[in-house]
Structure formats: C-alpha cells, structure tokens
Amino acid sequence: MDSAVTLVQTYLRLNGYFTVVEYPVVELRGEFRAATDLDVLAFRFPGSRRLIPGEAGHRRRHPPFRVDPVLDVPVDSADMLIGEVKEGEAKFNRGGRRAEVIGAALARFGCTPPDEADSVSQELLRSGTTSTSLGHSVRLVAFGSAADPSPDAPYRRISLGHALRYVESWMDEHWAVLRHTQLKDPVLSFLATLKKARVGLEDADR
C-alpha cells in the first residue's frame, strides 16, 4: 500500500471512520476492464464514541474522544468520504471524478439505491458534498502535501502534514492507553517505536 494512503487511513480511523483503501472499480465497455482505483473510502456512523471497558466509576485518566474539526464531521448523519491521496497536489484525478465510478462505490457501500447513484454522483461532483435519500452525508476529500492550484475546486482539501500532526498529537495525548496495547496499524506502530526509542535515549543520557 502507498505510504501516503496508509497515513490517511490511520488519520481517518482515529477519527472514527471505517476505511477501505485502493478500492477497484470495474466497468463494462464491450468487455470488463478496470476503470480506476479509489484511494480511500471511509464511513462513519453518527454518534461514534470511544469507550474503555472498566472506566465507569473510576476517575477518567485519559482525554475524551474528540474529532478533528478540520474534517467538519456531521453530527446527526452517517458520513461517507471518497478520498484521493497524493504525495503532491491535493486534487482528484480525472478517473476519480467520473460520476459512474463514484456511483458504483456509493451503491456498493449502501449509501444510495442503484437507481439514484447517478444523480447523487452528479450533485457530489458539482458541489463536493451531498445527502442521499437514505440519510447519508457524502463528501469528496483530497489529501496531499501541496495545495491544489485550483482554489475553487468543489471538494475539501486536507494536507498530509496536518494528518501527520494530528496522528502524532493523538498518540501523545493517549499514550497512557496506547503504551499497553499491541499496535497493528503500521503508522501507529512505527510512531510508537520512535517514541519508545526516544525514551530509551533520554534514560541512557541521564
């Protein structure tokens, strides 16, 4: 998996999203062929919270769960993000901005009935955000290390630098919990190893 996609996946998971990355879309043009891969699809249920078993009745010793305000997560509806990830400019490829491709993903993940997929996708491409008849919010988000040169592009843009800072600060804030867990996420595992290594260096220098 691409390293930038891995970072974005970790960032979204920490904010309560279930993710699918590098999702292939197949089309029929006389014969079946690959249309494109969607870098990241992320779904978040409304009211998502973090609960640590056994904490009831005990003084809270860890910070409460807070969603990154940059994501502007809707409060009362399920939220579906269709994301493009670039190491350069934060923008969508032409293939990722085809209505039939987006519609296939929305229908596959149950965000809209198949007969509404095209109209929902067209509105999403026009405005960067829309709602479906099933009550889901759907949004386009581009991640990258540099600004999109088209400031009026109809989608949200989040820098990879911001995602990294968020993950690092989240790890620092919740280290009391994380230090007791086996981290399978590659980004969190790597950052945790760095953190433990730095602690070891500091102890050795004393």
Protein backbone atom coordinates (compact mmCIF):
# COMPACT_ATOMS: atom_id res chain seq x y z
CA MET A 1 0.00 0.00 0.00
CA ASP A 2 1.16 3.54 -0.76
CA SER A 3 2.69 5.24 2.31
CA ALA A 4 0.56 8.37 1.92
CA VAL A 5 -2.60 6.27 1.69
CA THR A 6 -1.54 4.40 4.84
CA LEU A 7 -1.13 7.69 6.73
CA VAL A 8 -4.55 8.95 5.60
CA GLN A 9 -6.16 5.65 6.54
CA THR A 10 -4.75 5.89 10.08
CA TYR A 11 -5.85 9.52 10.39
CA LEU A 12 -9.42 8.68 9.39
CA ARG A 13 -9.59 5.62 11.63
CA LEU A 14 -8.55 7.70 14.63
CA ASN A 15 -11.48 9.97 13.82
CA GLY A 16 -13.98 7.12 13.94
CA TYR A 17 -14.16 6.07 10.28
CA PHE A 18 -14.17 2.55 8.91
CA THR A 19 -11.96 2.54 5.84
CA VAL A 20 -11.39 0.68 2.59
CA VAL A 21 -8.34 1.68 0.58
CA GLU A 22 -7.35 1.27 -3.06
CA TYR A 23 -10.85 0.07 -3.94
CA PRO A 24 -11.01 -1.17 -7.57
CA VAL A 25 -13.96 -0.20 -9.78
CA VAL A 26 -14.62 -2.38 -12.83
CA GLU A 27 -16.60 -1.13 -15.83
CA LEU A 28 -18.15 -2.79 -18.89
CA ARG A 29 -17.12 -1.25 -22.22
CA GLY A 30 -17.77 -4.13 -24.59
CA GLU A 31 -15.74 -6.18 -22.14
CA PHE A 32 -14.94 -5.90 -18.46
CA ARG A 33 -11.97 -3.72 -17.60
CA ALA A 34 -10.57 -1.78 -14.66
CA ALA A 35 -11.92 1.78 -14.55
CA THR A 36 -9.81 3.09 -11.67
CA ASP A 37 -8.90 2.54 -8.04
CA LEU A 38 -10.41 4.85 -5.43
CA ASP A 39 -7.67 5.67 -2.93
CA VAL A 40 -9.79 5.69 0.20
CA LEU A 41 -13.44 5.18 1.08
CA ALA A 42 -14.33 5.98 4.67
CA PHE A 43 -17.64 5.58 6.51
CA ARG A 44 -18.51 6.94 9.95
CA PHE A 45 -21.67 6.18 11.89
CA PRO A 46 -23.34 9.09 13.70
CA GLY A 47 -22.61 9.25 17.42
CA SER A 48 -19.32 7.38 17.14
CA ARG A 49 -17.58 7.35 20.53
CA ARG A 50 -14.69 5.63 22.26
CA LEU A 51 -15.42 3.57 25.38
CA ILE A 52 -12.76 1.87 27.52
CA PRO A 53 -14.20 -1.12 29.46
CA GLY A 54 -13.99 -0.76 33.21
CA GLU A 55 -13.75 3.03 33.27
CA ALA A 56 -17.23 3.54 34.80
CA GLY A 57 -16.98 4.61 38.43
CA HIS A 58 -13.29 5.42 38.11
CA ARG A 59 -11.70 8.80 37.68
CA ARG A 60 -11.10 9.36 33.98
CA ARG A 61 -7.38 9.22 33.36
CA HIS A 62 -7.40 9.77 29.62
CA PRO A 63 -8.68 12.61 27.42
CA PRO A 64 -12.18 12.34 25.92
CA PHE A 65 -12.56 11.43 22.27
CA ARG A 66 -12.61 14.50 20.01
CA VAL A 67 -12.98 14.53 16.25
CA ASP A 68 -10.60 16.70 14.25
CA PRO A 69 -12.61 19.86 13.47
CA VAL A 70 -10.90 20.11 10.06
CA LEU A 71 -12.99 17.13 8.93
CA ASP A 72 -16.22 19.01 9.76
CA VAL A 73 -17.97 15.73 10.58
CA PRO A 74 -21.80 15.93 10.51
CA VAL A 75 -23.32 15.35 13.95
CA ASP A 76 -26.59 13.59 13.17
CA SER A 77 -25.97 11.61 9.98
CA ALA A 78 -23.75 8.84 8.68
CA ASP A 79 -20.80 10.26 6.77
CA MET A 80 -19.17 8.77 3.68
CA LEU A 81 -15.89 10.18 2.41
CA ILE A 82 -14.49 9.48 -1.05
CA GLY A 83 -10.84 10.44 -0.86
CA GLU A 84 -8.00 10.96 -3.29
CA VAL A 85 -4.49 10.80 -1.85
CA LYS A 86 -1.46 12.43 -3.48
CA GLU A 87 2.10 13.00 -2.33
CA GLY A 88 1.97 16.19 -4.40
CA GLU A 89 -1.01 18.46 -5.06
CA ALA A 90 -4.21 17.64 -3.16
CA LYS A 91 -6.54 17.10 -6.09
CA PHE A 92 -8.64 14.43 -7.76
CA ASN A 93 -7.58 12.55 -10.85
CA ARG A 94 -9.94 12.66 -13.81
CA GLY A 95 -10.74 8.95 -13.32
CA GLY A 96 -11.75 9.51 -9.70
CA ARG A 97 -14.16 12.27 -10.69
CA ARG A 98 -16.33 10.23 -13.05
CA ALA A 99 -19.95 10.01 -11.98
CA GLU A 100 -20.26 6.33 -12.91
CA VAL A 101 -17.20 5.45 -10.81
CA ILE A 102 -18.44 7.33 -7.76
CA GLY A 103 -21.94 5.93 -8.21
CA ALA A 104 -20.60 2.38 -8.26
CA ALA A 105 -18.82 2.97 -4.95
CA LEU A 106 -21.86 4.58 -3.31
CA ALA A 107 -24.14 1.73 -4.37
CA ARG A 108 -21.63 -0.89 -3.28
CA PHE A 109 -21.38 0.57 0.22
CA GLY A 110 -25.11 1.08 0.64
CA CYS A 111 -25.13 4.87 0.66
CA THR A 112 -27.70 5.16 -2.11
CA PRO A 113 -30.02 2.86 -4.11
CA PRO A 114 -28.55 1.92 -7.51
CA ASP A 115 -31.24 3.88 -9.41
CA GLU A 116 -30.24 7.07 -7.59
CA ALA A 117 -26.48 6.60 -7.84
CA ASP A 118 -26.04 8.68 -10.98
CA SER A 119 -27.97 11.73 -9.78
CA VAL A 120 -26.28 11.66 -6.37
CA SER A 121 -22.86 11.37 -8.02
CA GLN A 122 -23.55 14.28 -10.36
CA GLU A 123 -24.53 16.51 -7.45
CA LEU A 124 -21.47 15.38 -5.49
CA LEU A 125 -19.18 16.32 -8.37
CA ARG A 126 -20.83 19.74 -8.67
CA SER A 127 -20.72 20.72 -5.02
CA GLY A 128 -18.27 18.35 -3.31
CA THR A 129 -20.92 17.31 -0.79
CA THR A 130 -24.46 15.97 -0.87
CA SER A 131 -27.00 13.90 1.06
CA THR A 132 -28.70 10.72 -0.09
CA SER A 133 -32.29 9.53 0.28
CA LEU A 134 -31.00 7.07 2.90
CA GLY A 135 -29.87 9.97 5.08
CA HIS A 136 -26.13 9.65 4.46
CA SER A 137 -23.82 12.60 4.01
CA VAL A 138 -21.35 12.01 1.16
CA ARG A 139 -18.28 14.18 0.59
CA LEU A 140 -15.20 14.40 -1.61
CA VAL A 141 -11.88 14.99 0.16
CA ALA A 142 -8.43 15.34 -1.41
CA PHE A 143 -5.27 14.75 0.63
CA GLY A 144 -1.83 15.92 -0.47
CA SER A 145 1.37 17.62 0.57
CA ALA A 146 0.80 20.72 -1.57
CA ALA A 147 -2.15 22.99 -2.21
CA ASP A 148 -4.41 22.38 -5.20
CA PRO A 149 -3.71 25.14 -7.75
CA SER A 150 -7.48 25.33 -8.41
CA PRO A 151 -8.77 27.13 -5.31
CA ASP A 152 -12.40 26.83 -6.41
CA ALA A 153 -12.33 23.03 -6.71
CA PRO A 154 -15.59 21.70 -5.19
CA TYR A 155 -14.09 19.44 -2.57
CA ARG A 156 -12.41 19.63 0.82
CA ARG A 157 -8.62 19.53 0.91
CA ILE A 158 -6.52 18.31 3.84
CA SER A 159 -2.74 18.31 3.85
CA LEU A 160 -0.71 15.22 4.66
CA GLY A 161 1.22 17.40 7.10
CA HIS A 162 -1.96 18.13 9.02
CA ALA A 163 -2.86 14.43 9.08
CA LEU A 164 0.59 13.59 10.43
CA ARG A 165 0.45 16.29 13.12
CA TYR A 166 -2.97 15.05 14.19
CA VAL A 167 -1.80 11.42 14.46
CA GLU A 168 1.31 12.43 16.42
CA SER A 169 -0.62 14.66 18.83
CA TRP A 170 -3.29 11.99 19.26
CA MET A 171 -0.61 9.46 20.17
CA ASP A 172 0.96 11.83 22.70
CA GLU A 173 -2.43 12.62 24.22
CA HIS A 174 -3.47 8.99 24.54
CA TRP A 175 -0.08 7.44 25.28
CA ALA A 176 -1.22 6.21 28.72
CA VAL A 177 -3.64 3.90 26.91
CA LEU A 178 -1.59 3.10 23.80
CA ARG A 179 1.54 2.02 25.67
CA HIS A 180 -0.40 -1.00 26.96
CA THR A 181 -1.61 -2.17 23.55
CA GLN A 182 -0.14 -4.12 20.65
CA LEU A 183 -0.44 -1.76 17.73
CA LYS A 184 -1.12 -3.46 14.39
CA ASP A 185 -1.65 -0.23 12.47
CA PRO A 186 1.67 0.37 10.63
CA VAL A 187 1.70 4.14 11.19
CA LEU A 188 0.88 3.96 14.90
CA SER A 189 3.28 1.06 15.38
CA PHE A 190 6.13 2.99 13.75
CA LEU A 191 5.44 6.18 15.72
CA ALA A 192 5.18 4.18 18.96
CA THR A 193 8.55 2.56 18.25
CA LEU A 194 10.09 6.01 17.70
CA LYS A 195 8.54 7.26 20.93
CA LYS A 196 9.87 4.31 22.95
CA ALA A 197 13.30 4.68 21.32
CA ARG A 198 13.45 8.36 22.29
CA VAL A 199 12.50 7.49 25.88
CA GLY A 200 15.32 4.92 25.91
CA LEU A 201 17.81 7.51 24.66
CA GLU A 202 16.71 10.01 27.30
CA ASP A 203 17.10 7.39 30.05
CA ALA A 204 20.56 6.47 28.76
CA ASP A 205 21.66 10.12 28.74
CA ARG A 206 20.71 10.73 32.36
